[in-house]
Amino acid sequence: MSKKDKKKMKEEAFNYEDEECDCGSEPCSCSCHGHHHGGCDCGEEEGFERQFYTREEKIEMLEEYLKDLKAEQKGVEEALEELRKVS
């Protein structure tokens, strides 16, 4: 499963609201034509994008997301610990 698919799945899993296009044109002139689900894909390759995932794929993506969150938490805790040592 591609990173793009994983990112899209995470957004859908948490029901993020639609975002505005950031192509800079008024009205939107990119290939998304101002219609977005989870943000504009300006600059990304065009083509088929999956919209439906199996239960197993959703579980895999959410487990990977949780792993990333835990790593981020550990990094923040280490940064705080280092800052507190200096003080």
N, C-alpha and C. Protein backbone atom coordinates (compact mmCIF):
# COMPACT_ATOMS: atom_id res chain seq x y z
N MET A 1 0.85 -1.18 0.00
CA MET A 1 0.00 0.00 0.00
C MET A 1 0.90 1.24 0.00
N SER A 2 0.60 2.20 -0.85
CA SER A 2 1.44 3.39 -0.98
C SER A 2 1.23 4.34 0.19
N LYS A 3 2.21 5.24 0.38
CA LYS A 3 2.10 6.25 1.43
C LYS A 3 0.89 7.14 1.19
N LYS A 4 0.62 7.42 -0.09
CA LYS A 4 -0.52 8.27 -0.44
C LYS A 4 -1.82 7.60 0.00
N ASP A 5 -1.93 6.29 -0.25
CA ASP A 5 -3.12 5.55 0.17
C ASP A 5 -3.25 5.55 1.69
N LYS A 6 -2.13 5.37 2.39
CA LYS A 6 -2.16 5.35 3.85
C LYS A 6 -2.59 6.70 4.41
N LYS A 7 -2.04 7.78 3.84
CA LYS A 7 -2.41 9.12 4.30
C LYS A 7 -3.90 9.37 4.09
N LYS A 8 -4.37 9.01 2.92
CA LYS A 8 -5.79 9.23 2.62
C LYS A 8 -6.67 8.42 3.57
N MET A 9 -6.25 7.20 3.86
CA MET A 9 -7.03 6.35 4.75
C MET A 9 -7.08 6.94 6.15
N LYS A 10 -5.94 7.47 6.63
CA LYS A 10 -5.92 8.08 7.95
C LYS A 10 -6.89 9.26 8.02
N GLU A 11 -6.86 10.08 6.97
CA GLU A 11 -7.75 11.24 6.94
C GLU A 11 -9.21 10.80 6.97
N GLU A 12 -9.52 9.79 6.17
CA GLU A 12 -10.90 9.31 6.13
C GLU A 12 -11.30 8.65 7.44
N ALA A 13 -10.36 7.96 8.07
CA ALA A 13 -10.66 7.27 9.32
C ALA A 13 -11.02 8.26 10.43
N PHE A 14 -10.44 9.44 10.36
CA PHE A 14 -10.70 10.43 11.40
C PHE A 14 -11.64 11.54 10.93
N ASN A 15 -12.27 11.33 9.78
CA ASN A 15 -13.29 12.25 9.25
C ASN A 15 -12.82 13.70 9.20
N TYR A 16 -11.63 13.92 8.68
CA TYR A 16 -11.17 15.29 8.52
C TYR A 16 -12.11 16.02 7.56
N GLU A 17 -12.30 17.28 7.82
CA GLU A 17 -13.17 18.07 6.95
C GLU A 17 -12.42 18.42 5.68
N ASP A 18 -13.18 18.68 4.62
CA ASP A 18 -12.57 19.07 3.35
C ASP A 18 -11.76 20.34 3.54
N GLU A 19 -10.63 20.41 2.83
CA GLU A 19 -9.77 21.56 2.89
C GLU A 19 -9.87 22.32 1.58
N GLU A 20 -9.49 23.57 1.60
CA GLU A 20 -9.50 24.37 0.39
C GLU A 20 -8.25 24.06 -0.43
N CYS A 21 -8.36 24.27 -1.73
CA CYS A 21 -7.23 24.07 -2.62
C CYS A 21 -6.21 25.18 -2.38
N ASP A 22 -4.92 24.84 -2.45
CA ASP A 22 -3.90 25.86 -2.24
C ASP A 22 -3.09 26.10 -3.52
N CYS A 23 -3.73 25.93 -4.68
CA CYS A 23 -3.02 26.14 -5.94
C CYS A 23 -2.78 27.63 -6.19
N GLY A 24 -3.49 28.51 -5.46
CA GLY A 24 -3.26 29.94 -5.56
C GLY A 24 -4.09 30.65 -6.60
N SER A 25 -4.84 29.95 -7.38
CA SER A 25 -5.65 30.57 -8.43
C SER A 25 -7.08 30.77 -7.94
N GLU A 26 -7.68 31.86 -8.37
CA GLU A 26 -9.09 32.11 -8.08
C GLU A 26 -9.81 32.27 -9.39
N PRO A 27 -10.71 31.49 -9.83
CA PRO A 27 -11.06 30.23 -9.18
C PRO A 27 -9.96 29.19 -9.38
N CYS A 28 -10.09 28.11 -8.69
CA CYS A 28 -9.10 27.04 -8.73
C CYS A 28 -8.84 26.61 -10.17
N SER A 29 -7.56 26.51 -10.54
CA SER A 29 -7.23 26.12 -11.91
C SER A 29 -6.47 24.80 -11.99
N CYS A 30 -6.33 24.13 -10.86
CA CYS A 30 -5.61 22.86 -10.89
C CYS A 30 -6.56 21.73 -11.32
N SER A 31 -6.03 20.55 -11.41
CA SER A 31 -6.82 19.42 -11.91
C SER A 31 -7.93 19.00 -10.96
N CYS A 32 -7.92 19.49 -9.73
CA CYS A 32 -8.97 19.10 -8.79
C CYS A 32 -10.25 19.89 -9.01
N HIS A 33 -10.16 20.99 -9.76
CA HIS A 33 -11.32 21.81 -10.10
C HIS A 33 -12.09 22.30 -8.87
N GLY A 34 -11.39 22.51 -7.78
CA GLY A 34 -12.01 23.04 -6.59
C GLY A 34 -12.78 22.04 -5.76
N HIS A 35 -12.80 20.78 -6.17
CA HIS A 35 -13.51 19.74 -5.42
C HIS A 35 -12.49 18.91 -4.66
N HIS A 36 -12.61 18.89 -3.36
CA HIS A 36 -11.60 18.23 -2.55
C HIS A 36 -12.23 17.30 -1.53
N HIS A 37 -11.54 16.26 -1.25
CA HIS A 37 -11.88 15.35 -0.17
C HIS A 37 -10.59 15.07 0.55
N GLY A 38 -10.35 15.78 1.67
CA GLY A 38 -9.11 15.60 2.40
C GLY A 38 -7.98 16.46 1.86
N GLY A 39 -8.29 17.48 1.06
CA GLY A 39 -7.26 18.38 0.56
C GLY A 39 -7.01 18.22 -0.92
N CYS A 40 -6.37 19.20 -1.48
CA CYS A 40 -6.07 19.22 -2.91
C CYS A 40 -4.84 18.38 -3.18
N ASP A 41 -4.82 17.71 -4.31
CA ASP A 41 -3.67 16.92 -4.71
C ASP A 41 -2.86 17.65 -5.77
N CYS A 42 -2.84 18.97 -5.72
CA CYS A 42 -2.10 19.76 -6.71
C CYS A 42 -0.66 19.28 -6.78
N GLY A 43 -0.16 19.10 -7.98
CA GLY A 43 1.22 18.72 -8.15
C GLY A 43 1.47 17.22 -8.06
N GLU A 44 0.51 16.48 -7.66
CA GLU A 44 0.70 15.04 -7.57
C GLU A 44 0.24 14.41 -8.88
N GLU A 45 0.72 13.22 -9.13
CA GLU A 45 0.37 12.56 -10.37
C GLU A 45 -1.13 12.30 -10.45
N GLU A 46 -1.65 12.40 -11.66
CA GLU A 46 -3.06 12.14 -11.86
C GLU A 46 -3.28 10.67 -12.08
N GLY A 47 -4.49 10.23 -11.94
CA GLY A 47 -4.81 8.84 -12.19
C GLY A 47 -5.80 8.32 -11.17
N PHE A 48 -5.96 7.03 -11.17
CA PHE A 48 -6.92 6.39 -10.28
C PHE A 48 -6.47 6.48 -8.83
N GLU A 49 -7.38 6.87 -7.95
CA GLU A 49 -7.13 6.88 -6.52
C GLU A 49 -8.18 6.02 -5.85
N ARG A 50 -7.72 5.09 -5.05
CA ARG A 50 -8.65 4.21 -4.36
C ARG A 50 -9.49 4.99 -3.37
N GLN A 51 -10.74 4.59 -3.24
CA GLN A 51 -11.64 5.21 -2.28
C GLN A 51 -12.10 4.24 -1.22
N PHE A 52 -11.98 2.96 -1.48
CA PHE A 52 -12.48 1.94 -0.56
C PHE A 52 -11.34 1.00 -0.18
N TYR A 53 -11.27 0.69 1.10
CA TYR A 53 -10.21 -0.15 1.62
C TYR A 53 -10.82 -1.31 2.39
N THR A 54 -10.09 -2.40 2.40
CA THR A 54 -10.56 -3.55 3.15
C THR A 54 -10.37 -3.29 4.64
N ARG A 55 -11.05 -4.05 5.43
CA ARG A 55 -10.93 -3.95 6.88
C ARG A 55 -9.47 -4.15 7.31
N GLU A 56 -8.80 -5.13 6.70
CA GLU A 56 -7.41 -5.41 7.04
C GLU A 56 -6.50 -4.24 6.70
N GLU A 57 -6.76 -3.59 5.55
CA GLU A 57 -5.96 -2.42 5.16
C GLU A 57 -6.17 -1.27 6.13
N LYS A 58 -7.41 -1.05 6.55
CA LYS A 58 -7.69 0.01 7.51
C LYS A 58 -6.96 -0.24 8.83
N ILE A 59 -7.01 -1.49 9.30
CA ILE A 59 -6.32 -1.84 10.55
C ILE A 59 -4.82 -1.61 10.40
N GLU A 60 -4.25 -2.04 9.28
CA GLU A 60 -2.82 -1.87 9.03
C GLU A 60 -2.43 -0.39 9.03
N MET A 61 -3.22 0.43 8.36
CA MET A 61 -2.92 1.87 8.30
C MET A 61 -3.03 2.52 9.67
N LEU A 62 -4.05 2.17 10.42
CA LEU A 62 -4.22 2.77 11.74
C LEU A 62 -3.13 2.30 12.70
N GLU A 63 -2.70 1.04 12.59
CA GLU A 63 -1.60 0.56 13.42
C GLU A 63 -0.31 1.30 13.10
N GLU A 64 -0.06 1.54 11.82
CA GLU A 64 1.12 2.30 11.40
C GLU A 64 1.04 3.74 11.91
N TYR A 65 -0.14 4.32 11.84
CA TYR A 65 -0.34 5.68 12.33
C TYR A 65 -0.09 5.75 13.84
N LEU A 66 -0.57 4.76 14.57
CA LEU A 66 -0.35 4.71 16.01
C LEU A 66 1.14 4.58 16.32
N LYS A 67 1.85 3.78 15.56
CA LYS A 67 3.29 3.62 15.73
C LYS A 67 4.00 4.96 15.53
N ASP A 68 3.60 5.69 14.49
CA ASP A 68 4.18 7.01 14.23
C ASP A 68 3.88 7.99 15.37
N LEU A 69 2.66 7.95 15.89
CA LEU A 69 2.30 8.83 17.01
C LEU A 69 3.13 8.54 18.25
N LYS A 70 3.34 7.25 18.53
CA LYS A 70 4.15 6.87 19.68
C LYS A 70 5.60 7.31 19.52
N ALA A 71 6.13 7.21 18.30
CA ALA A 71 7.49 7.67 18.05
C ALA A 71 7.58 9.18 18.23
N GLU A 72 6.58 9.89 17.76
CA GLU A 72 6.54 11.35 17.94
C GLU A 72 6.49 11.71 19.42
N GLN A 73 5.67 10.99 20.18
CA GLN A 73 5.56 11.24 21.62
C GLN A 73 6.92 11.03 22.29
N LYS A 74 7.60 9.97 21.92
CA LYS A 74 8.91 9.69 22.51
C LYS A 74 9.89 10.81 22.18
N GLY A 75 9.86 11.30 20.95
CA GLY A 75 10.73 12.40 20.55
C GLY A 75 10.45 13.67 21.34
N VAL A 76 9.19 13.97 21.56
CA VAL A 76 8.81 15.14 22.34
C VAL A 76 9.28 14.99 23.79
N GLU A 77 9.08 13.81 24.35
CA GLU A 77 9.52 13.57 25.73
C GLU A 77 11.03 13.72 25.86
N GLU A 78 11.79 13.22 24.88
CA GLU A 78 13.25 13.36 24.92
C GLU A 78 13.66 14.82 24.79
N ALA A 79 12.99 15.58 23.92
CA ALA A 79 13.30 16.99 23.75
C ALA A 79 13.01 17.76 25.04
N LEU A 80 11.90 17.46 25.68
CA LEU A 80 11.58 18.11 26.95
C LEU A 80 12.61 17.77 28.03
N GLU A 81 13.01 16.53 28.06
CA GLU A 81 14.01 16.10 29.06
C GLU A 81 15.32 16.85 28.85
N GLU A 82 15.75 17.00 27.62
CA GLU A 82 16.98 17.74 27.34
C GLU A 82 16.86 19.21 27.71
N LEU A 83 15.72 19.80 27.41
CA LEU A 83 15.50 21.21 27.75
C LEU A 83 15.48 21.42 29.26
N ARG A 84 14.92 20.49 29.98
CA ARG A 84 14.85 20.61 31.44
C ARG A 84 16.22 20.46 32.07
N LYS A 85 17.11 19.68 31.48
CA LYS A 85 18.48 19.50 31.99
C LYS A 85 19.26 20.80 31.90
N VAL A 86 19.04 21.55 30.85
CA VAL A 86 19.76 22.79 30.62
C VAL A 86 19.33 23.85 31.60
N SER A 87 18.08 23.85 32.00
CA SER A 87 17.52 24.91 32.86
C SER A 87 18.05 24.86 34.24
